[in-house]
Amino acid sequence: MTATLAATTHRPGSAEHTAVARPLRRPVLSPREVEVLVAWLRCDSKNTVAAELFLSLGTVNTHLSRIRAKYAAVNRRATTKAALVARAIQDELISLDEL
């Protein structure tokens, strides 16, 4: 399944608009980055993620910073946890049922 983003073009002075679907660019996340992201989305604590994955809190934060940078690099900023949830769902890394 390919995720798409609908773009709407408005013409000045016209009520008409055209919707154009374009595929979303996906960042290339490492398996460990996906693991950290999904674990953090499922719980509220980075400390819990660190303990469950045998990582330091600093390493968890580094992974999340790199994930955000990779999304920004493909013009899909995710500066909040809610935005990361949306990106993960769009990219089929996690489903609503898994949250």
Protein backbone atom coordinates (compact mmCIF):
# COMPACT_ATOMS: atom_id res chain seq x y z
CA MET A 1 0.00 0.00 0.00
CA THR A 2 1.40 3.39 -0.96
CA ALA A 3 0.59 6.39 1.19
CA THR A 4 -0.47 9.51 -0.65
CA LEU A 5 -1.00 13.11 0.24
CA ALA A 6 -3.77 15.06 -1.45
CA ALA A 7 -2.73 18.53 -2.53
CA THR A 8 -5.34 21.11 -3.39
CA THR A 9 -4.67 23.87 -5.88
CA HIS A 10 -6.79 27.00 -5.65
CA ARG A 11 -7.06 29.50 -8.47
CA PRO A 12 -7.37 33.12 -7.41
CA GLY A 13 -10.88 34.39 -8.04
CA SER A 14 -12.23 30.91 -8.75
CA ALA A 15 -14.18 28.50 -6.57
CA GLU A 16 -12.74 25.59 -8.55
CA HIS A 17 -9.89 23.49 -7.21
CA THR A 18 -8.07 20.41 -8.33
CA ALA A 19 -6.96 17.64 -5.99
CA VAL A 20 -3.75 15.93 -6.99
CA ALA A 21 -2.52 12.84 -5.15
CA ARG A 22 1.22 12.52 -4.77
CA PRO A 23 3.11 9.76 -2.99
CA LEU A 24 4.60 10.54 0.40
CA ARG A 25 8.36 10.34 0.59
CA ARG A 26 9.43 7.97 3.32
CA PRO A 27 12.63 8.40 5.28
CA VAL A 28 14.95 5.41 5.51
CA LEU A 29 14.85 4.38 9.17
CA SER A 30 17.13 1.69 10.56
CA PRO A 31 15.49 -1.34 12.19
CA ARG A 32 16.67 -0.06 15.59
CA GLU A 33 15.18 3.38 14.94
CA VAL A 34 11.85 1.77 14.08
CA GLU A 35 12.05 -0.36 17.23
CA VAL A 36 12.73 2.69 19.43
CA LEU A 37 10.05 4.77 17.72
CA VAL A 38 7.35 2.11 18.04
CA ALA A 39 8.28 1.39 21.67
CA TRP A 40 8.08 5.10 22.53
CA LEU A 41 4.75 5.53 20.75
CA ARG A 42 3.28 2.66 22.77
CA CYS A 43 4.24 4.10 26.15
CA ASP A 44 4.61 7.52 27.74
CA SER A 45 8.14 7.24 29.09
CA LYS A 46 11.48 7.36 27.35
CA ASN A 47 12.95 5.86 30.52
CA THR A 48 10.69 2.83 30.10
CA VAL A 49 11.76 2.47 26.48
CA ALA A 50 15.41 2.65 27.53
CA ALA A 51 14.93 -0.07 30.14
CA GLU A 52 12.91 -2.35 27.84
CA LEU A 53 15.43 -2.08 24.99
CA PHE A 54 18.55 -2.09 27.21
CA LEU A 55 19.57 1.39 26.08
CA SER A 56 20.54 4.54 27.91
CA LEU A 57 18.10 7.45 27.96
CA GLY A 58 20.59 9.43 25.89
CA THR A 59 20.60 6.75 23.18
CA VAL A 60 16.79 6.77 23.04
CA ASN A 61 16.85 10.57 22.68
CA THR A 62 19.52 10.32 19.96
CA HIS A 63 17.43 7.81 17.98
CA LEU A 64 14.34 10.03 18.25
CA SER A 65 16.32 13.12 17.18
CA ARG A 66 17.68 11.27 14.15
CA ILE A 67 14.20 10.00 13.25
CA ARG A 68 12.85 13.58 13.39
CA ALA A 69 15.77 14.79 11.24
CA LYS A 70 15.11 12.07 8.66
CA TYR A 71 11.44 13.06 8.43
CA ALA A 72 12.41 16.72 8.09
CA ALA A 73 14.83 15.79 5.29
CA VAL A 74 11.91 14.44 3.22
CA ASN A 75 9.75 17.51 4.01
CA ARG A 76 7.54 15.71 6.53
CA ARG A 77 8.42 17.47 9.78
CA ALA A 78 7.50 15.67 12.99
CA THR A 79 8.41 17.94 15.88
CA THR A 80 5.91 16.49 18.36
CA LYS A 81 5.03 13.00 19.52
CA ALA A 82 1.60 13.39 17.91
CA ALA A 83 3.26 14.20 14.59
CA LEU A 84 5.50 11.13 14.92
CA VAL A 85 2.40 9.01 15.58
CA ALA A 86 0.83 10.37 12.39
CA ARG A 87 4.00 9.68 10.37
CA ALA A 88 4.34 6.15 11.76
CA ILE A 89 0.72 5.37 10.87
CA GLN A 90 1.08 6.91 7.38
CA ASP A 91 4.23 4.85 6.79
CA GLU A 92 2.60 1.70 8.18
CA LEU A 93 5.15 1.31 10.97
CA ILE A 94 2.33 0.97 13.50
CA SER A 95 -1.46 0.75 13.41
CA LEU A 96 -4.01 2.44 15.63
CA ASP A 97 -4.82 -0.96 17.15
CA GLU A 98 -1.20 -1.29 18.30
CA LEU A 99 -1.23 2.00 20.21
